[in-house]
Amino acid sequence: MVRRRHTSKDMKDYLAGEASWRTAQEQAPPLGVKLLLLNPGGTCVIGTWGDWAKAWAPLPKVPAHIKELLLEKRI
């Protein structure tokens, strides 16, 4: 089996889907729960809302069939 090494020209910068970022001014973030947060450097982190964050998004939902796959891997 030959493995192809990926080069920077093969890779994309990011993959974006249906989710979108929200600012606290657009929609107040829920407090005390895990969220996707965009820090001042533009990096996404998981945590609870803080004044340092520039934007937030809800975590993606995990569908039942993915939960089942995760449970299978534990056994």
Protein backbone atom coordinates (compact mmCIF):
# COMPACT_ATOMS: atom_id res chain seq x y z
CA MET A 1 0.00 0.00 0.00
CA VAL A 2 1.39 3.36 -1.01
CA ARG A 3 0.42 6.30 1.13
CA ARG A 4 0.29 9.68 -0.51
CA ARG A 5 1.70 12.51 1.49
CA HIS A 6 -0.54 15.57 1.58
CA THR A 7 1.03 18.84 0.65
CA SER A 8 -0.18 22.34 1.43
CA LYS A 9 -1.55 22.68 -2.12
CA ASP A 10 -3.77 19.60 -1.47
CA MET A 11 -5.25 20.98 1.72
CA LYS A 12 -7.99 23.53 2.10
CA ASP A 13 -7.89 26.29 4.69
CA TYR A 14 -11.19 25.29 6.28
CA LEU A 15 -14.52 23.59 5.75
CA ALA A 16 -17.60 25.66 6.56
CA GLY A 17 -21.13 24.33 6.79
CA GLU A 18 -24.51 25.48 8.00
CA ALA A 19 -23.35 26.85 11.36
CA SER A 20 -22.69 30.55 11.78
CA TRP A 21 -21.01 32.74 14.37
CA ARG A 22 -23.05 35.17 16.48
CA THR A 23 -21.85 38.16 18.43
CA ALA A 24 -23.15 38.90 21.92
CA GLN A 25 -24.78 42.04 20.51
CA GLU A 26 -26.69 40.04 17.87
CA GLN A 27 -27.82 37.33 20.27
CA ALA A 28 -26.95 37.01 23.94
CA PRO A 29 -24.94 33.83 24.52
CA PRO A 30 -26.28 31.34 27.05
CA LEU A 31 -24.23 31.51 30.25
CA GLY A 32 -22.67 28.56 32.07
CA VAL A 33 -22.83 26.10 29.16
CA LYS A 34 -20.21 24.87 26.69
CA LEU A 35 -20.13 26.77 23.41
CA LEU A 36 -17.86 27.20 20.43
CA LEU A 37 -16.04 30.48 21.00
CA LEU A 38 -14.03 32.59 18.60
CA ASN A 39 -11.05 34.18 20.32
CA PRO A 40 -9.48 37.52 19.30
CA GLY A 41 -6.94 35.67 17.15
CA GLY A 42 -9.69 33.95 15.15
CA THR A 43 -9.22 30.50 16.69
CA CYS A 44 -12.22 28.41 17.69
CA VAL A 45 -12.15 27.03 21.24
CA ILE A 46 -14.71 25.23 23.39
CA GLY A 47 -15.66 26.83 26.67
CA THR A 48 -18.14 29.02 28.50
CA TRP A 49 -18.83 32.59 27.43
CA GLY A 50 -16.42 35.27 28.60
CA ASP A 51 -15.95 38.93 27.72
CA TRP A 52 -12.71 38.04 25.89
CA ALA A 53 -14.62 36.06 23.23
CA LYS A 54 -15.50 37.83 19.97
CA ALA A 55 -18.28 35.49 18.81
CA TRP A 56 -20.02 32.25 19.73
CA ALA A 57 -21.90 29.33 18.18
CA PRO A 58 -23.74 26.36 19.67
CA LEU A 59 -22.02 23.00 19.69
CA PRO A 60 -23.16 20.68 16.90
CA LYS A 61 -25.76 18.07 17.81
CA VAL A 62 -24.61 14.45 17.85
CA PRO A 63 -27.22 12.32 16.05
CA ALA A 64 -28.27 8.96 17.50
CA HIS A 65 -26.42 6.92 14.86
CA ILE A 66 -23.14 8.69 15.72
CA LYS A 67 -23.72 8.10 19.45
CA GLU A 68 -24.17 4.41 18.64
CA LEU A 69 -20.87 4.35 16.75
CA LEU A 70 -19.13 5.95 19.72
CA LEU A 71 -20.59 3.37 22.08
CA GLU A 72 -19.46 0.51 19.79
CA LYS A 73 -15.86 1.74 19.93
CA ARG A 74 -15.82 1.53 23.75
CA ILE A 75 -16.66 -2.16 23.81
